[in-house]
Protein backbone atom coordinates (compact mmCIF):
# COMPACT_ATOMS: atom_id res chain seq x y z
CA MET A 1 98.64 99.55 -74.21
CA ILE A 2 97.03 96.41 -72.75
CA LEU A 3 98.52 92.97 -73.38
CA LEU A 4 96.90 89.62 -72.61
CA ASN A 5 99.36 86.76 -72.25
CA GLY A 6 101.97 88.80 -74.12
CA GLN A 7 99.74 89.79 -77.06
CA PRO A 8 98.58 93.41 -77.56
CA LEU A 9 94.80 93.78 -77.42
CA GLU A 10 92.94 95.67 -80.14
CA PHE A 11 90.66 98.57 -79.24
CA ARG A 12 88.63 100.90 -81.42
CA ASN A 13 86.49 103.91 -80.64
CA PHE A 14 82.90 104.81 -81.35
CA PRO A 15 82.35 108.24 -82.96
CA ASN A 16 81.73 109.81 -79.53
CA GLY A 17 85.06 108.50 -78.18
CA GLU A 18 83.77 105.51 -76.21
CA THR A 19 85.95 102.38 -76.31
CA LEU A 20 84.97 99.34 -78.36
CA VAL A 21 86.52 96.19 -76.88
CA ASN A 22 87.26 93.13 -79.03
CA GLY A 23 85.79 90.36 -76.88
CA GLU A 24 86.43 87.66 -79.46
CA GLN A 25 90.17 88.40 -79.37
CA ILE A 26 90.18 88.26 -75.56
CA LEU A 27 88.46 84.86 -75.50
CA THR A 28 90.86 83.53 -78.14
CA LEU A 29 93.92 84.55 -76.10
CA ALA A 30 92.56 83.61 -72.66
CA GLY A 31 93.64 80.40 -70.99
CA VAL A 32 93.70 78.68 -67.62
CA SER A 33 96.30 81.10 -66.26
CA ASN A 34 96.17 84.65 -67.61
CA LEU A 35 98.51 87.61 -67.39
CA LEU A 36 97.41 91.13 -68.18
CA SER A 37 100.10 93.77 -68.76
CA LEU A 38 99.53 97.51 -68.61
CA LYS A 39 102.00 99.64 -70.53
CA TYR A 40 100.64 103.01 -69.49
CA GLU A 41 100.35 105.66 -72.19
CA ASN A 42 97.35 107.66 -70.94
CA ASP A 43 94.46 107.42 -68.50
CA GLY A 44 92.35 105.69 -71.12
CA ASP A 45 94.48 102.59 -70.61
CA LEU A 46 93.10 102.27 -67.07
CA ILE A 47 89.55 102.18 -68.40
CA LYS A 48 90.54 99.58 -71.00
CA LEU A 49 92.14 97.48 -68.28
CA MET A 50 88.91 97.61 -66.27
CA PHE A 51 86.83 96.51 -69.27
CA VAL A 52 89.13 93.57 -70.05
CA LYS A 53 89.38 92.38 -66.44
CA ASN A 54 85.61 92.53 -65.92
CA PHE A 55 85.06 90.68 -69.19
CA LEU A 56 87.44 87.93 -68.03
CA ASP A 57 85.61 87.81 -64.69
CA ASP A 58 82.26 87.40 -66.45
CA HIS A 59 83.70 84.39 -68.29
CA ARG A 60 85.27 83.03 -65.08
CA TYR A 61 88.87 83.52 -66.12
CA GLN A 62 91.38 84.45 -63.43
CA ALA A 63 94.19 86.91 -64.16
CA SER A 64 97.28 88.51 -62.67
CA LEU A 65 98.62 91.94 -63.62
CA ILE A 66 101.98 93.43 -64.51
CA LEU A 67 102.24 97.20 -64.30
CA TYR A 68 105.16 98.22 -66.51
CA TYR A 69 104.85 101.58 -64.75
CA MET A 70 102.52 102.40 -61.88
CA PRO A 71 100.50 105.45 -62.97
CA TYR A 72 100.69 108.46 -60.63
CA SER A 73 103.71 107.09 -58.78
CA ARG A 74 105.04 110.62 -58.31
CA MET A 75 102.07 111.54 -56.15
CA ASP A 76 103.00 109.19 -53.30
CA ARG A 77 102.39 111.72 -50.51
CA VAL A 78 100.24 114.70 -49.72
CA GLU A 79 101.60 118.19 -49.23
CA GLY A 80 99.23 121.07 -48.62
CA SER A 81 96.17 120.74 -50.85
CA SER A 82 97.72 118.25 -53.30
CA VAL A 83 95.53 115.31 -54.34
CA PHE A 84 96.70 111.80 -53.36
CA THR A 85 96.16 110.43 -56.88
CA LEU A 86 98.44 107.41 -56.36
CA LYS A 87 96.14 106.20 -53.58
CA TYR A 88 93.03 106.61 -55.71
CA THR A 89 94.63 104.85 -58.69
CA ALA A 90 95.68 102.00 -56.39
CA ASN A 91 92.08 101.78 -55.12
CA PHE A 92 90.91 101.50 -58.75
CA ILE A 93 93.32 98.62 -59.42
CA ASN A 94 92.51 96.88 -56.12
CA ALA A 95 88.81 96.91 -57.02
CA MET A 96 89.58 94.64 -60.00
CA ASN A 97 90.73 91.86 -57.64
CA PHE A 98 93.73 90.51 -59.53
CA GLU A 99 95.32 87.29 -58.30
CA GLU A 100 98.67 89.09 -58.07
CA VAL A 101 100.06 92.46 -59.12
CA THR A 102 103.70 92.94 -60.18
CA VAL A 103 104.96 96.52 -60.25
CA VAL A 104 108.04 97.24 -62.35
CA GLU A 105 110.41 99.70 -60.68
CA PRO A 106 107.99 101.21 -58.12
CA HIS A 107 108.79 104.78 -57.15
CA SER A 108 108.49 104.14 -53.42
CA ASP A 109 107.30 101.70 -50.77
CA VAL A 110 104.04 103.66 -50.62
CA CYS A 111 103.05 102.21 -53.98
CA MET A 112 103.54 98.65 -52.77
CA ALA A 113 101.69 99.33 -49.52
CA LEU A 114 98.67 100.65 -51.40
CA ILE A 115 98.29 97.82 -53.95
CA HIS A 116 96.95 94.55 -52.59
CA GLY A 117 98.93 91.37 -53.27
CA SER A 118 101.73 93.26 -54.96
CA ARG A 119 105.40 92.49 -55.53
CA ALA A 120 108.14 94.66 -56.99
CA LYS A 121 110.56 94.01 -59.86
CA TYR A 122 113.69 96.15 -60.36
CA PRO A 123 115.15 95.81 -63.87
CA SER A 124 117.64 98.62 -63.14
CA VAL A 125 119.35 96.41 -60.58
CA GLU A 126 119.27 93.42 -62.91
CA LEU A 127 120.73 95.46 -65.78
CA LEU A 128 123.48 97.08 -63.71
CA ASP A 129 126.05 94.35 -64.48
CA GLN A 130 125.44 94.72 -68.22
CA VAL A 131 125.76 98.51 -68.05
CA ILE A 132 129.00 98.14 -66.08
CA GLN A 133 130.43 95.97 -68.85
CA GLU A 134 129.35 98.33 -71.62
CA THR A 135 130.78 101.43 -69.92
CA GLY A 136 134.03 99.92 -68.62
CA PHE A 137 133.01 100.85 -65.10
CA ASN A 138 135.56 99.84 -62.42
CA PRO A 139 133.95 99.28 -58.97
CA ASP A 140 137.32 99.88 -57.29
CA GLN A 141 137.60 103.46 -58.49
CA ASP A 142 134.26 104.52 -60.02
CA TYR A 143 130.96 105.47 -58.36
CA LEU A 144 127.24 104.85 -58.37
CA PHE A 145 125.25 108.04 -57.82
CA PHE A 146 121.73 108.21 -56.38
CA PRO A 147 120.04 111.57 -57.03
CA ASP A 148 118.13 111.57 -53.73
CA ALA A 149 117.46 109.58 -50.57
CA GLY A 150 114.59 107.73 -52.24
CA ALA A 151 116.86 106.38 -54.97
CA GLN A 152 119.48 105.42 -52.38
CA LYS A 153 116.84 103.51 -50.44
CA ARG A 154 115.73 101.62 -53.56
CA TYR A 155 119.15 100.80 -54.99
CA GLY A 156 121.74 101.52 -52.31
CA LYS A 157 121.63 97.95 -51.01
CA VAL A 158 123.64 96.81 -54.03
CA LYS A 159 126.95 95.72 -52.51
CA GLY A 160 130.51 96.28 -53.65
CA PHE A 161 130.22 99.81 -55.06
CA ARG A 162 131.40 103.25 -54.05
CA GLN A 163 128.36 105.47 -53.66
CA LEU A 164 127.51 109.16 -53.83
CA VAL A 165 124.09 110.60 -52.96
CA GLY A 166 122.37 113.78 -54.08
CA PHE A 167 120.44 116.04 -51.75
CA LYS A 168 117.93 118.08 -53.71
CA VAL A 169 115.41 120.71 -52.76
CA ARG A 170 112.32 120.55 -54.96
CA ASP A 171 109.21 122.70 -55.21
CA PHE A 172 106.53 120.02 -54.80
CA GLN A 173 103.85 121.98 -56.65
CA THR A 174 105.91 122.87 -59.74
CA GLY A 175 108.31 119.90 -59.65
CA GLN A 176 111.26 122.23 -60.22
CA ILE A 177 114.54 121.49 -58.42
CA GLN A 178 115.77 124.52 -56.53
CA ASN A 179 119.15 123.11 -55.45
CA LEU A 180 121.22 119.90 -55.50
CA ASP A 181 124.26 119.01 -53.40
CA ILE A 182 126.38 115.85 -53.46
CA VAL A 183 126.91 113.93 -50.23
CA GLY A 184 130.08 111.83 -50.11
CA SER A 185 133.72 112.22 -51.04
CA VAL A 186 135.90 111.17 -53.96
CA GLU A 187 139.56 110.22 -53.84
CA LYS A 188 140.73 111.74 -57.11
CA PRO A 189 139.33 113.12 -60.38
CA GLY A 190 138.93 111.11 -63.57
CA PHE A 191 136.34 108.63 -62.31
CA LYS A 192 133.22 107.29 -64.04
CA VAL A 193 129.73 107.56 -62.58
CA ILE A 194 126.52 105.64 -63.24
CA ILE A 195 123.45 107.55 -62.06
CA VAL A 196 120.76 105.08 -60.98
CA ASP A 197 117.09 105.96 -60.55
CA ASP A 198 113.60 104.76 -61.46
CA LEU A 199 112.18 107.43 -63.76
CA CYS A 200 113.36 110.03 -66.26
CA SER A 201 110.92 112.63 -67.58
CA TYR A 202 112.48 115.72 -69.18
CA GLY A 203 115.77 114.87 -67.46
CA GLY A 204 116.50 118.11 -65.61
CA THR A 205 117.43 116.29 -62.39
CA PHE A 206 119.96 114.11 -64.17
CA LEU A 207 121.55 116.91 -66.14
CA LEU A 208 121.98 118.93 -62.95
CA SER A 209 123.40 115.83 -61.23
CA ALA A 210 125.82 115.25 -64.11
CA GLU A 211 126.91 118.88 -63.97
CA ARG A 212 127.63 118.64 -60.23
CA LEU A 213 129.44 115.31 -60.67
CA ARG A 214 131.69 116.72 -63.38
CA GLU A 215 132.45 119.69 -61.13
CA ILE A 216 133.91 117.30 -58.53
CA GLY A 217 135.97 115.37 -61.09
CA ALA A 218 133.81 112.90 -63.03
CA SER A 219 135.18 112.25 -66.53
CA GLU A 220 132.25 110.12 -67.76
CA VAL A 221 128.65 110.13 -66.52
CA TYR A 222 126.02 107.55 -67.50
CA LEU A 223 122.34 107.25 -66.60
CA LEU A 224 120.50 104.00 -65.84
CA VAL A 225 116.74 104.33 -65.27
CA GLY A 226 113.98 101.74 -65.18
CA HIS A 227 111.49 104.05 -66.91
CA CYS A 228 112.15 106.77 -69.47
CA GLU A 229 109.21 108.86 -70.67
CA LYS A 230 108.94 109.98 -74.27
CA SER A 231 109.08 113.55 -72.95
CA VAL A 232 112.85 113.07 -72.55
CA PHE A 233 113.19 114.02 -76.24
CA GLN A 234 111.58 117.37 -75.49
CA GLY A 235 114.28 118.09 -72.93
CA LYS A 236 118.01 118.74 -73.25
CA ILE A 237 119.41 115.24 -72.65
CA PRO A 238 119.55 114.13 -76.33
CA HIS A 239 121.82 117.07 -77.21
CA SER A 240 123.77 117.51 -73.96
CA ASN A 241 127.37 116.42 -73.42
CA LEU A 242 126.86 116.17 -69.66
CA LEU A 243 125.52 112.60 -69.98
CA ASP A 244 127.54 110.23 -72.13
CA ARG A 245 124.76 107.65 -72.55
CA VAL A 246 121.32 106.73 -71.21
CA PHE A 247 120.39 103.12 -70.45
CA THR A 248 116.72 102.28 -69.92
CA THR A 249 114.03 99.65 -70.58
CA ASP A 250 111.04 99.41 -72.91
CA THR A 251 108.48 100.01 -70.15
CA MET A 252 107.77 103.38 -71.81
CA LEU A 253 110.11 103.79 -74.79
CA ASP A 254 110.00 101.34 -77.68
CA GLN A 255 112.75 102.62 -79.92
CA THR A 256 114.72 105.73 -80.81
CA ASP A 257 117.09 106.86 -83.53
CA SER A 258 119.33 108.59 -80.98
CA ASP A 259 122.71 106.95 -80.36
CA LYS A 260 122.66 108.35 -76.83
CA PHE A 261 119.96 105.88 -75.73
CA GLN A 262 120.24 102.12 -75.17
CA ILE A 263 116.82 100.48 -74.68
CA TYR A 264 116.68 97.00 -73.19
CA LYS A 265 113.68 94.79 -73.93
CA ILE A 266 112.10 93.37 -70.80
CA GLY A 267 108.80 92.25 -72.34
CA GLY A 268 106.37 90.90 -69.75
CA MET A 269 109.22 89.93 -67.45
């Protein structure tokens, strides 16, 4: 989905699948200062973004960009013969010459280094206080859990919390987690845990984390993620008792009938 100044843009397709762009709508919504938002659903959204930005350029309108989710964030390094798709996607965005690019919940510093004129926004950190209130979390006896070193680097700077960190071994080609250990110690059982990370797909990492946390004494385990893919409903999280509740934003999910999920609206931020 592409939004211009907060309004979704309309696209249709020719019979052969090519995109038909509504230029009249773009000119109606455009102003002196313009903000394009990309709510990534598939690769076709990148092509639509290119068409809209070039159309604005042709009419001498400037624009900044908000990436609700940076496509291909997972591929932020090269191992073996893997393709550095994050780099190539960043090159594609850079070629559009936005005034500024805001990335919501970037997966790593690599993303920010690759995108010119970029800044990061972390709704997970901003929502943490609200999640603490809703779960009855007590910073003096409960814990934040970061599933890996990357999550700890992103969110571990939050002060005033007891922290536990996961150490996981993953097969980079298949994405499967082969093992997960918890680094850190707990004083006594019966504590609550909020798992904090940027992205949930099928949710296997978080279910395994919750299982390990309950093994060491956690009585309640919650998940707070900036992005939650629709694929989560194809996994086991909606029907598992390992996670008591999932808190996320509308960067990917719009709504759900499941009581296990709380979706916060962040709009264009």
